[in-house]
Amino acid sequence: NSGGHIAHLGGAFAGYCFAAGLSKGIDITNWINKLIDGFLTLFNKTTYRRKRKPSMKVYHYTQKTQDYEYNANKKLQSDKVDKILDKLKKSGYESLTSEEKRILFDAGKE
């Protein structure tokens, strides 16, 4: 049934768009929630008369710059260790400076 397959793919795409928007702090269901709340106030005025205040505040933010800096530092450290390991392979352990030995030791702990 091709219609059923297309419907499932459309639902998966809509779910992906909803989750992607929600992760950025965009609630695409806000308009339908307001519409339903307005409709319900017609029938039950006592419950929906006052605007409810959320019990908790949610902050949406990203840490892209911190992630970028972390990854850049890790790459720099990895390049240093690779360079020291190449020197170790060519010249032996005794040719390493105390700073290079410390860097290798610290990298081995991680």
PDB file of N, CA and C in Angstrom:
ATOM      1  N   ASN A   1       0.848  -1.175   0.000  1.00  0.00           N
ATOM      2  CA  ASN A   1       0.000   0.000   0.000  1.00  0.00           C
ATOM      3  C   ASN A   1       0.892   1.236   0.000  1.00  0.00           C
ATOM      4  N   SER A   2       1.013   1.871  -1.140  1.00  0.00           N
ATOM      5  CA  SER A   2       1.916   3.021  -1.256  1.00  0.00           C
ATOM      6  C   SER A   2       1.406   4.233  -0.485  1.00  0.00           C
ATOM      7  N   GLY A   3       0.102   4.400  -0.384  1.00  0.00           N
ATOM      8  CA  GLY A   3      -0.449   5.528   0.373  1.00  0.00           C
ATOM      9  C   GLY A   3      -0.082   5.443   1.845  1.00  0.00           C
ATOM     10  N   GLY A   4      -0.110   4.250   2.390  1.00  0.00           N
ATOM     11  CA  GLY A   4       0.271   4.056   3.789  1.00  0.00           C
ATOM     12  C   GLY A   4       1.740   4.345   4.022  1.00  0.00           C
ATOM     13  N   HIS A   5       2.589   3.926   3.084  1.00  0.00           N
ATOM     14  CA  HIS A   5       4.030   4.196   3.205  1.00  0.00           C
ATOM     15  C   HIS A   5       4.312   5.697   3.158  1.00  0.00           C
ATOM     16  N   ILE A   6       3.654   6.378   2.247  1.00  0.00           N
ATOM     17  CA  ILE A   6       3.855   7.829   2.129  1.00  0.00           C
ATOM     18  C   ILE A   6       3.370   8.534   3.390  1.00  0.00           C
ATOM     19  N   ALA A   7       2.254   8.061   3.949  1.00  0.00           N
ATOM     20  CA  ALA A   7       1.732   8.666   5.184  1.00  0.00           C
ATOM     21  C   ALA A   7       2.713   8.473   6.340  1.00  0.00           C
ATOM     22  N   HIS A   8       3.301   7.290   6.439  1.00  0.00           N
ATOM     23  CA  HIS A   8       4.281   7.050   7.504  1.00  0.00           C
ATOM     24  C   HIS A   8       5.532   7.899   7.313  1.00  0.00           C
ATOM     25  N   LEU A   9       5.996   8.027   6.086  1.00  0.00           N
ATOM     26  CA  LEU A   9       7.165   8.875   5.827  1.00  0.00           C
ATOM     27  C   LEU A   9       6.860  10.336   6.138  1.00  0.00           C
ATOM     28  N   GLY A  10       5.659  10.779   5.793  1.00  0.00           N
ATOM     29  CA  GLY A  10       5.258  12.152   6.113  1.00  0.00           C
ATOM     30  C   GLY A  10       5.193  12.378   7.613  1.00  0.00           C
ATOM     31  N   GLY A  11       4.683  11.401   8.348  1.00  0.00           N
ATOM     32  CA  GLY A  11       4.629  11.507   9.803  1.00  0.00           C
ATOM     33  C   GLY A  11       6.012  11.538  10.424  1.00  0.00           C
ATOM     34  N   ALA A  12       6.920  10.730   9.892  1.00  0.00           N
ATOM     35  CA  ALA A  12       8.297  10.729  10.395  1.00  0.00           C
ATOM     36  C   ALA A  12       8.967  12.072  10.124  1.00  0.00           C
ATOM     37  N   PHE A  13       8.728  12.627   8.947  1.00  0.00           N
ATOM     38  CA  PHE A  13       9.306  13.931   8.613  1.00  0.00           C
ATOM     39  C   PHE A  13       8.740  15.028   9.511  1.00  0.00           C
ATOM     40  N   ALA A  14       7.435  14.990   9.743  1.00  0.00           N
ATOM     41  CA  ALA A  14       6.808  15.992  10.622  1.00  0.00           C
ATOM     42  C   ALA A  14       7.351  15.868  12.044  1.00  0.00           C
ATOM     43  N   GLY A  15       7.539  14.643  12.521  1.00  0.00           N
ATOM     44  CA  GLY A  15       8.108  14.438  13.853  1.00  0.00           C
ATOM     45  C   GLY A  15       9.524  14.953  13.946  1.00  0.00           C
ATOM     46  N   TYR A  16      10.312  14.734  12.900  1.00  0.00           N
ATOM     47  CA  TYR A  16      11.682  15.247  12.882  1.00  0.00           C
ATOM     48  C   TYR A  16      11.684  16.776  12.920  1.00  0.00           C
ATOM     49  N   CYS A  17      10.825  17.399  12.116  1.00  0.00           N
ATOM     50  CA  CYS A  17      10.748  18.871  12.100  1.00  0.00           C
ATOM     51  C   CYS A  17      10.318  19.408  13.461  1.00  0.00           C
ATOM     52  N   PHE A  18       9.361  18.737  14.100  1.00  0.00           N
ATOM     53  CA  PHE A  18       8.897  19.166  15.416  1.00  0.00           C
ATOM     54  C   PHE A  18      10.030  19.069  16.435  1.00  0.00           C
ATOM     55  N   ALA A  19      10.758  17.947  16.446  1.00  0.00           N
ATOM     56  CA  ALA A  19      11.851  17.767  17.406  1.00  0.00           C
ATOM     57  C   ALA A  19      12.983  18.753  17.141  1.00  0.00           C
ATOM     58  N   ALA A  20      13.297  19.004  15.880  1.00  0.00           N
ATOM     59  CA  ALA A  20      14.362  19.954  15.550  1.00  0.00           C
ATOM     60  C   ALA A  20      13.979  21.363  15.986  1.00  0.00           C
ATOM     61  N   GLY A  21      12.749  21.745  15.773  1.00  0.00           N
ATOM     62  CA  GLY A  21      12.295  23.066  16.203  1.00  0.00           C
ATOM     63  C   GLY A  21      12.277  23.191  17.712  1.00  0.00           C
ATOM     64  N   LEU A  22      11.841  22.133  18.389  1.00  0.00           N
ATOM     65  CA  LEU A  22      11.771  22.159  19.850  1.00  0.00           C
ATOM     66  C   LEU A  22      13.160  22.259  20.462  1.00  0.00           C
ATOM     67  N   SER A  23      14.152  21.625  19.843  1.00  0.00           N
ATOM     68  CA  SER A  23      15.518  21.708  20.374  1.00  0.00           C
ATOM     69  C   SER A  23      16.095  23.115  20.225  1.00  0.00           C
ATOM     70  N   LYS A  24      15.550  23.909  19.295  1.00  0.00           N
ATOM     71  CA  LYS A  24      15.986  25.298  19.122  1.00  0.00           C
ATOM     72  C   LYS A  24      15.100  26.271  19.892  1.00  0.00           C
ATOM     73  N   GLY A  25      14.122  25.737  20.632  1.00  0.00           N
ATOM     74  CA  GLY A  25      13.247  26.586  21.425  1.00  0.00           C
ATOM     75  C   GLY A  25      12.027  27.090  20.679  1.00  0.00           C
ATOM     76  N   ILE A  26      11.714  26.494  19.543  1.00  0.00           N
ATOM     77  CA  ILE A  26      10.563  26.911  18.742  1.00  0.00           C
ATOM     78  C   ILE A  26       9.456  25.872  18.906  1.00  0.00           C
ATOM     79  N   ASP A  27       8.326  26.290  19.453  1.00  0.00           N
ATOM     80  CA  ASP A  27       7.191  25.389  19.640  1.00  0.00           C
ATOM     81  C   ASP A  27       6.179  25.653  18.532  1.00  0.00           C
ATOM     82  N   ILE A  28       6.133  24.758  17.553  1.00  0.00           N
ATOM     83  CA  ILE A  28       5.240  24.966  16.415  1.00  0.00           C
ATOM     84  C   ILE A  28       3.799  24.596  16.745  1.00  0.00           C
ATOM     85  N   THR A  29       3.564  24.032  17.940  1.00  0.00           N
ATOM     86  CA  THR A  29       2.201  23.671  18.336  1.00  0.00           C
ATOM     87  C   THR A  29       1.533  24.760  19.162  1.00  0.00           C
ATOM     88  N   ASN A  30       2.191  25.882  19.362  1.00  0.00           N
ATOM     89  CA  ASN A  30       1.658  26.948  20.208  1.00  0.00           C
ATOM     90  C   ASN A  30       0.312  27.455  19.696  1.00  0.00           C
ATOM     91  N   TRP A  31       0.168  27.617  18.408  1.00  0.00           N
ATOM     92  CA  TRP A  31      -1.068  28.158  17.845  1.00  0.00           C
ATOM     93  C   TRP A  31      -2.242  27.209  18.063  1.00  0.00           C
ATOM     94  N   ILE A  32      -2.009  25.902  17.917  1.00  0.00           N
ATOM     95  CA  ILE A  32      -3.109  24.954  18.100  1.00  0.00           C
ATOM     96  C   ILE A  32      -3.483  24.851  19.574  1.00  0.00           C
ATOM     97  N   ASN A  33      -2.505  24.982  20.468  1.00  0.00           N
ATOM     98  CA  ASN A  33      -2.798  24.969  21.902  1.00  0.00           C
ATOM     99  C   ASN A  33      -3.675  26.154  22.285  1.00  0.00           C
ATOM    100  N   LYS A  34      -3.366  27.328  21.746  1.00  0.00           N
ATOM    101  CA  LYS A  34      -4.183  28.509  22.033  1.00  0.00           C
ATOM    102  C   LYS A  34      -5.594  28.352  21.466  1.00  0.00           C
ATOM    103  N   LEU A  35      -5.692  27.772  20.282  1.00  0.00           N
ATOM    104  CA  LEU A  35      -6.993  27.558  19.660  1.00  0.00           C
ATOM    105  C   LEU A  35      -7.847  26.603  20.495  1.00  0.00           C
ATOM    106  N   ILE A  36      -7.255  25.508  20.939  1.00  0.00           N
ATOM    107  CA  ILE A  36      -7.995  24.535  21.750  1.00  0.00           C
ATOM    108  C   ILE A  36      -8.375  25.137  23.098  1.00  0.00           C
ATOM    109  N   ASP A  37      -7.452  25.872  23.724  1.00  0.00           N
ATOM    110  CA  ASP A  37      -7.768  26.531  24.994  1.00  0.00           C
ATOM    111  C   ASP A  37      -8.919  27.514  24.828  1.00  0.00           C
ATOM    112  N   GLY A  38      -8.919  28.272  23.749  1.00  0.00           N
ATOM    113  CA  GLY A  38     -10.014  29.203  23.485  1.00  0.00           C
ATOM    114  C   GLY A  38     -11.336  28.483  23.288  1.00  0.00           C
ATOM    115  N   PHE A  39     -11.287  27.348  22.612  1.00  0.00           N
ATOM    116  CA  PHE A  39     -12.492  26.555  22.390  1.00  0.00           C
ATOM    117  C   PHE A  39     -13.021  25.985  23.705  1.00  0.00           C
ATOM    118  N   LEU A  40     -12.115  25.538  24.570  1.00  0.00           N
ATOM    119  CA  LEU A  40     -12.535  24.958  25.846  1.00  0.00           C
ATOM    120  C   LEU A  40     -13.110  25.996  26.802  1.00  0.00           C
ATOM    121  N   THR A  41     -12.680  27.242  26.683  1.00  0.00           N
ATOM    122  CA  THR A  41     -13.230  28.279  27.562  1.00  0.00           C
ATOM    123  C   THR A  41     -14.704  28.536  27.271  1.00  0.00           C
ATOM    124  N   LEU A  42     -15.157  28.197  26.085  1.00  0.00           N
ATOM    125  CA  LEU A  42     -16.574  28.355  25.764  1.00  0.00           C
ATOM    126  C   LEU A  42     -17.446  27.436  26.617  1.00  0.00           C
ATOM    127  N   PHE A  43     -16.917  26.265  26.964  1.00  0.00           N
ATOM    128  CA  PHE A  43     -17.696  25.275  27.698  1.00  0.00           C
ATOM    129  C   PHE A  43     -17.426  25.272  29.198  1.00  0.00           C
ATOM    130  N   ASN A  44     -16.228  25.627  29.605  1.00  0.00           N
ATOM    131  CA  ASN A  44     -15.866  25.557  31.010  1.00  0.00           C
ATOM    132  C   ASN A  44     -15.161  26.848  31.398  1.00  0.00           C
ATOM    133  N   LYS A  45     -15.894  27.873  31.673  1.00  0.00           N
ATOM    134  CA  LYS A  45     -15.321  29.202  31.913  1.00  0.00           C
ATOM    135  C   LYS A  45     -14.584  29.301  33.240  1.00  0.00           C
ATOM    136  N   THR A  46     -14.944  28.517  34.249  1.00  0.00           N
ATOM    137  CA  THR A  46     -14.295  28.645  35.563  1.00  0.00           C
ATOM    138  C   THR A  46     -12.864  28.129  35.538  1.00  0.00           C
ATOM    139  N   THR A  47     -12.604  27.070  34.808  1.00  0.00           N
ATOM    140  CA  THR A  47     -11.263  26.481  34.800  1.00  0.00           C
ATOM    141  C   THR A  47     -10.288  27.310  33.983  1.00  0.00           C
ATOM    142  N   TYR A  48     -10.727  27.809  32.843  1.00  0.00           N
ATOM    143  CA  TYR A  48      -9.811  28.482  31.929  1.00  0.00           C
ATOM    144  C   TYR A  48      -9.899  30.003  31.997  1.00  0.00           C
ATOM    145  N   ARG A  49     -10.549  30.540  32.998  1.00  0.00           N
ATOM    146  CA  ARG A  49     -10.726  31.983  33.080  1.00  0.00           C
ATOM    147  C   ARG A  49      -9.397  32.697  33.314  1.00  0.00           C
ATOM    148  N   ARG A  50      -8.624  32.208  34.245  1.00  0.00           N
ATOM    149  CA  ARG A  50      -7.353  32.876  34.534  1.00  0.00           C
ATOM    150  C   ARG A  50      -6.214  32.177  33.796  1.00  0.00           C
ATOM    151  N   LYS A  51      -5.253  32.964  33.420  1.00  0.00           N
ATOM    152  CA  LYS A  51      -4.099  32.435  32.697  1.00  0.00           C
ATOM    153  C   LYS A  51      -3.209  31.687  33.683  1.00  0.00           C
ATOM    154  N   ARG A  52      -2.879  30.484  33.365  1.00  0.00           N
ATOM    155  CA  ARG A  52      -2.031  29.687  34.241  1.00  0.00           C
ATOM    156  C   ARG A  52      -0.579  30.092  34.062  1.00  0.00           C
ATOM    157  N   LYS A  53       0.108  30.184  35.181  1.00  0.00           N
ATOM    158  CA  LYS A  53       1.519  30.524  35.152  1.00  0.00           C
ATOM    159  C   LYS A  53       2.323  29.225  35.220  1.00  0.00           C
ATOM    160  N   PRO A  54       3.290  29.049  34.356  1.00  0.00           N
ATOM    161  CA  PRO A  54       4.062  27.807  34.404  1.00  0.00           C
ATOM    162  C   PRO A  54       4.818  27.685  35.725  1.00  0.00           C
ATOM    163  N   SER A  55       4.933  26.464  36.202  1.00  0.00           N
ATOM    164  CA  SER A  55       5.592  26.241  37.483  1.00  0.00           C
ATOM    165  C   SER A  55       7.112  26.265  37.357  1.00  0.00           C
ATOM    166  N   MET A  56       7.604  26.206  36.145  1.00  0.00           N
ATOM    167  CA  MET A  56       9.041  26.142  35.951  1.00  0.00           C
ATOM    168  C   MET A  56       9.413  26.885  34.672  1.00  0.00           C
ATOM    169  N   LYS A  57      10.535  27.563  34.689  1.00  0.00           N
ATOM    170  CA  LYS A  57      11.021  28.295  33.519  1.00  0.00           C
ATOM    171  C   LYS A  57      12.045  27.425  32.798  1.00  0.00           C
ATOM    172  N   VAL A  58      11.934  27.327  31.494  1.00  0.00           N
ATOM    173  CA  VAL A  58      12.843  26.520  30.692  1.00  0.00           C
ATOM    174  C   VAL A  58      13.679  27.445  29.830  1.00  0.00           C
ATOM    175  N   TYR A  59      14.984  27.267  29.857  1.00  0.00           N
ATOM    176  CA  TYR A  59      15.902  28.055  29.049  1.00  0.00           C
ATOM    177  C   TYR A  59      16.475  27.167  27.954  1.00  0.00           C
ATOM    178  N   HIS A  60      16.421  27.659  26.729  1.00  0.00           N
ATOM    179  CA  HIS A  60      16.998  26.939  25.597  1.00  0.00           C
ATOM    180  C   HIS A  60      18.252  27.683  25.156  1.00  0.00           C
ATOM    181  N   TYR A  61      19.353  26.986  25.141  1.00  0.00           N
ATOM    182  CA  TYR A  61      20.594  27.599  24.695  1.00  0.00           C
ATOM    183  C   TYR A  61      21.495  26.522  24.100  1.00  0.00           C
ATOM    184  N   THR A  62      22.455  26.971  23.336  1.00  0.00           N
ATOM    185  CA  THR A  62      23.415  26.038  22.758  1.00  0.00           C
ATOM    186  C   THR A  62      24.804  26.418  23.214  1.00  0.00           C
ATOM    187  N   GLN A  63      25.677  25.454  23.226  1.00  0.00           N
ATOM    188  CA  GLN A  63      27.048  25.690  23.650  1.00  0.00           C
ATOM    189  C   GLN A  63      28.006  25.407  22.497  1.00  0.00           C
ATOM    190  N   LYS A  64      27.669  25.885  21.316  1.00  0.00           N
ATOM    191  CA  LYS A  64      28.483  25.585  20.143  1.00  0.00           C
ATOM    192  C   LYS A  64      29.891  26.145  20.271  1.00  0.00           C
ATOM    193  N   THR A  65      30.029  27.345  20.826  1.00  0.00           N
ATOM    194  CA  THR A  65      31.366  27.927  20.923  1.00  0.00           C
ATOM    195  C   THR A  65      32.213  27.148  21.911  1.00  0.00           C
ATOM    196  N   GLN A  66      31.626  26.723  23.023  1.00  0.00           N
ATOM    197  CA  GLN A  66      32.390  25.957  23.992  1.00  0.00           C
ATOM    198  C   GLN A  66      32.783  24.604  23.413  1.00  0.00           C
ATOM    199  N   ASP A  67      31.874  23.965  22.683  1.00  0.00           N
ATOM    200  CA  ASP A  67      32.193  22.696  22.052  1.00  0.00           C
ATOM    201  C   ASP A  67      33.308  22.869  21.032  1.00  0.00           C
ATOM    202  N   TYR A  68      33.255  23.946  20.264  1.00  0.00           N
ATOM    203  CA  TYR A  68      34.280  24.197  19.260  1.00  0.00           C
ATOM    204  C   TYR A  68      35.642  24.384  19.919  1.00  0.00           C
ATOM    205  N   GLU A  69      35.684  25.176  20.993  1.00  0.00           N
ATOM    206  CA  GLU A  69      36.949  25.410  21.693  1.00  0.00           C
ATOM    207  C   GLU A  69      37.484  24.117  22.288  1.00  0.00           C
ATOM    208  N   TYR A  70      36.601  23.313  22.868  1.00  0.00           N
ATOM    209  CA  TYR A  70      37.013  22.042  23.462  1.00  0.00           C
ATOM    210  C   TYR A  70      37.608  21.128  22.395  1.00  0.00           C
ATOM    211  N   ASN A  71      36.919  21.013  21.264  1.00  0.00           N
ATOM    212  CA  ASN A  71      37.410  20.149  20.186  1.00  0.00           C
ATOM    213  C   ASN A  71      38.720  20.662  19.603  1.00  0.00           C
ATOM    214  N   ALA A  72      38.863  21.984  19.499  1.00  0.00           N
ATOM    215  CA  ALA A  72      40.110  22.551  18.977  1.00  0.00           C
ATOM    216  C   ALA A  72      41.266  22.258  19.925  1.00  0.00           C
ATOM    217  N   ASN A  73      41.030  22.387  21.235  1.00  0.00           N
ATOM    218  CA  ASN A  73      42.085  22.084  22.207  1.00  0.00           C
ATOM    219  C   ASN A  73      42.448  20.609  22.185  1.00  0.00           C
ATOM    220  N   LYS A  74      41.453  19.735  22.060  1.00  0.00           N
ATOM    221  CA  LYS A  74      41.720  18.295  21.988  1.00  0.00           C
ATOM    222  C   LYS A  74      42.541  17.958  20.748  1.00  0.00           C
ATOM    223  N   LYS A  75      42.221  18.588  19.621  1.00  0.00           N
ATOM    224  CA  LYS A  75      42.974  18.333  18.384  1.00  0.00           C
ATOM    225  C   LYS A  75      44.410  18.809  18.528  1.00  0.00           C
ATOM    226  N   LEU A  76      44.603  19.982  19.129  1.00  0.00           N
ATOM    227  CA  LEU A  76      45.942  20.513  19.342  1.00  0.00           C
ATOM    228  C   LEU A  76      46.752  19.584  20.235  1.00  0.00           C
ATOM    229  N   GLN A  77      46.128  19.108  21.314  1.00  0.00           N
ATOM    230  CA  GLN A  77      46.816  18.199  22.224  1.00  0.00           C
ATOM    231  C   GLN A  77      47.141  16.877  21.526  1.00  0.00           C
ATOM    232  N   SER A  78      46.223  16.382  20.726  1.00  0.00           N
ATOM    233  CA  SER A  78      46.447  15.139  19.995  1.00  0.00           C
ATOM    234  C   SER A  78      47.592  15.285  18.997  1.00  0.00           C
ATOM    235  N   ASP A  79      47.667  16.435  18.336  1.00  0.00           N
ATOM    236  CA  ASP A  79      48.765  16.680  17.397  1.00  0.00           C
ATOM    237  C   ASP A  79      50.110  16.715  18.117  1.00  0.00           C
ATOM    238  N   LYS A  80      50.141  17.332  19.311  1.00  0.00           N
ATOM    239  CA  LYS A  80      51.382  17.365  20.098  1.00  0.00           C
ATOM    240  C   LYS A  80      51.824  15.957  20.467  1.00  0.00           C
ATOM    241  N   VAL A  81      50.876  15.143  20.929  1.00  0.00           N
ATOM    242  CA  VAL A  81      51.199  13.774  21.332  1.00  0.00           C
ATOM    243  C   VAL A  81      51.683  12.973  20.131  1.00  0.00           C
ATOM    244  N   ASP A  82      51.049  13.140  18.985  1.00  0.00           N
ATOM    245  CA  ASP A  82      51.481  12.424  17.782  1.00  0.00           C
ATOM    246  C   ASP A  82      52.904  12.802  17.393  1.00  0.00           C
ATOM    247  N   LYS A  83      53.229  14.083  17.493  1.00  0.00           N
ATOM    248  CA  LYS A  83      54.574  14.552  17.161  1.00  0.00           C
ATOM    249  C   LYS A  83      55.607  13.943  18.121  1.00  0.00           C
ATOM    250  N   ILE A  84      55.250  13.900  19.409  1.00  0.00           N
ATOM    251  CA  ILE A  84      56.160  13.328  20.408  1.00  0.00           C
ATOM    252  C   ILE A  84      56.325  11.828  20.175  1.00  0.00           C
ATOM    253  N   LEU A  85      55.257  11.145  19.828  1.00  0.00           N
ATOM    254  CA  LEU A  85      55.349   9.705  19.567  1.00  0.00           C
ATOM    255  C   LEU A  85      56.203   9.414  18.336  1.00  0.00           C
ATOM    256  N   ASP A  86      56.123  10.272  17.330  1.00  0.00           N
ATOM    257  CA  ASP A  86      56.991  10.111  16.158  1.00  0.00           C
ATOM    258  C   ASP A  86      58.457  10.268  16.548  1.00  0.00           C
ATOM    259  N   LYS A  87      58.737  11.260  17.392  1.00  0.00           N
ATOM    260  CA  LYS A  87      60.106  11.475  17.869  1.00  0.00           C
ATOM    261  C   LYS A  87      60.568  10.283  18.698  1.00  0.00           C
ATOM    262  N   LEU A  88      59.684   9.754  19.519  1.00  0.00           N
ATOM    263  CA  LEU A  88      60.001   8.593  20.351  1.00  0.00           C
ATOM    264  C   LEU A  88      60.324   7.386  19.481  1.00  0.00           C
ATOM    265  N   LYS A  89      59.586   7.204  18.421  1.00  0.00           N
ATOM    266  CA  LYS A  89      59.803   6.078  17.512  1.00  0.00           C
ATOM    267  C   LYS A  89      61.146   6.195  16.792  1.00  0.00           C
ATOM    268  N   LYS A  90      61.503   7.424  16.401  1.00  0.00           N
ATOM    269  CA  LYS A  90      62.744   7.624  15.652  1.00  0.00           C
ATOM    270  C   LYS A  90      63.984   7.613  16.545  1.00  0.00           C
ATOM    271  N   SER A  91      63.901   8.315  17.695  1.00  0.00           N
ATOM    272  CA  SER A  91      65.112   8.556  18.481  1.00  0.00           C
ATOM    273  C   SER A  91      65.146   7.845  19.826  1.00  0.00           C
ATOM    274  N   GLY A  92      64.048   7.304  20.288  1.00  0.00           N
ATOM    275  CA  GLY A  92      64.034   6.608  21.567  1.00  0.00           C
ATOM    276  C   GLY A  92      63.571   7.501  22.706  1.00  0.00           C
ATOM    277  N   TYR A  93      63.335   6.876  23.858  1.00  0.00           N
ATOM    278  CA  TYR A  93      62.777   7.572  25.015  1.00  0.00           C
ATOM    279  C   TYR A  93      63.747   8.587  25.597  1.00  0.00           C
ATOM    280  N   GLU A  94      65.033   8.292  25.564  1.00  0.00           N
ATOM    281  CA  GLU A  94      66.038   9.170  26.175  1.00  0.00           C
ATOM    282  C   GLU A  94      66.153  10.510  25.443  1.00  0.00           C
ATOM    283  N   SER A  95      65.718  10.569  24.191  1.00  0.00           N
ATOM    284  CA  SER A  95      65.832  11.818  23.433  1.00  0.00           C
ATOM    285  C   SER A  95      64.718  12.819  23.777  1.00  0.00           C
ATOM    286  N   LEU A  96      63.712  12.384  24.536  1.00  0.00           N
ATOM    287  CA  LEU A  96      62.596  13.266  24.880  1.00  0.00           C
ATOM    288  C   LEU A  96      62.983  14.215  26.006  1.00  0.00           C
ATOM    289  N   THR A  97      62.475  15.436  25.940  1.00  0.00           N
ATOM    290  CA  THR A  97      62.691  16.394  27.022  1.00  0.00           C
ATOM    291  C   THR A  97      61.736  16.061  28.169  1.00  0.00           C
ATOM    292  N   SER A  98      61.986  16.669  29.313  1.00  0.00           N
ATOM    293  CA  SER A  98      61.117  16.406  30.468  1.00  0.00           C
ATOM    294  C   SER A  98      59.691  16.900  30.196  1.00  0.00           C
ATOM    295  N   GLU A  99      59.567  17.986  29.448  1.00  0.00           N
ATOM    296  CA  GLU A  99      58.238  18.508  29.095  1.00  0.00           C
ATOM    297  C   GLU A  99      57.492  17.515  28.196  1.00  0.00           C
ATOM    298  N   GLU A 100      58.196  16.935  27.228  1.00  0.00           N
ATOM    299  CA  GLU A 100      57.571  15.956  26.341  1.00  0.00           C
ATOM    300  C   GLU A 100      57.172  14.700  27.106  1.00  0.00           C
ATOM    301  N   LYS A 101      58.005  14.288  28.059  1.00  0.00           N
ATOM    302  CA  LYS A 101      57.670  13.121  28.887  1.00  0.00           C
ATOM    303  C   LYS A 101      56.424  13.403  29.725  1.00  0.00           C
ATOM    304  N   ARG A 102      56.330  14.623  30.250  1.00  0.00           N
ATOM    305  CA  ARG A 102      55.168  14.988  31.055  1.00  0.00           C
ATOM    306  C   ARG A 102      53.893  14.984  30.203  1.00  0.00           C
ATOM    307  N   ILE A 103      53.989  15.517  28.972  1.00  0.00           N
ATOM    308  CA  ILE A 103      52.832  15.544  28.076  1.00  0.00           C
ATOM    309  C   ILE A 103      52.366  14.123  27.765  1.00  0.00           C
ATOM    310  N   LEU A 104      53.314  13.224  27.504  1.00  0.00           N
ATOM    311  CA  LEU A 104      52.958  11.828  27.240  1.00  0.00           C
ATOM    312  C   LEU A 104      52.317  11.179  28.463  1.00  0.00           C
ATOM    313  N   PHE A 105      52.878  11.460  29.638  1.00  0.00           N
ATOM    314  CA  PHE A 105      52.347  10.892  30.872  1.00  0.00           C
ATOM    315  C   PHE A 105      50.916  11.378  31.113  1.00  0.00           C
ATOM    316  N   ASP A 106      50.689  12.679  30.925  1.00  0.00           N
ATOM    317  CA  ASP A 106      49.344  13.239  31.114  1.00  0.00           C
ATOM    318  C   ASP A 106      48.350  12.675  30.095  1.00  0.00           C
ATOM    319  N   ALA A 107      48.807  12.500  28.860  1.00  0.00           N
ATOM    320  CA  ALA A 107      47.929  11.946  27.825  1.00  0.00           C
ATOM    321  C   ALA A 107      47.601  10.487  28.123  1.00  0.00           C
ATOM    322  N   GLY A 108      48.540   9.774  28.732  1.00  0.00           N
ATOM    323  CA  GLY A 108      48.299   8.385  29.091  1.00  0.00           C
ATOM    324  C   GLY A 108      47.274   8.228  30.200  1.00  0.00           C
ATOM    325  N   LYS A 109      47.156   9.239  31.063  1.00  0.00           N
ATOM    326  CA  LYS A 109      46.169   9.190  32.151  1.00  0.00           C
ATOM    327  C   LYS A 109      44.748   9.325  31.624  1.00  0.00           C
ATOM    328  N   GLU A 110      44.571  10.070  30.552  1.00  0.00           N
ATOM    329  CA  GLU A 110      43.228  10.318  30.009  1.00  0.00           C
ATOM    330  C   GLU A 110      42.729   9.136  29.319  1.00  0.00           C
TER     331      GLU A 110
END
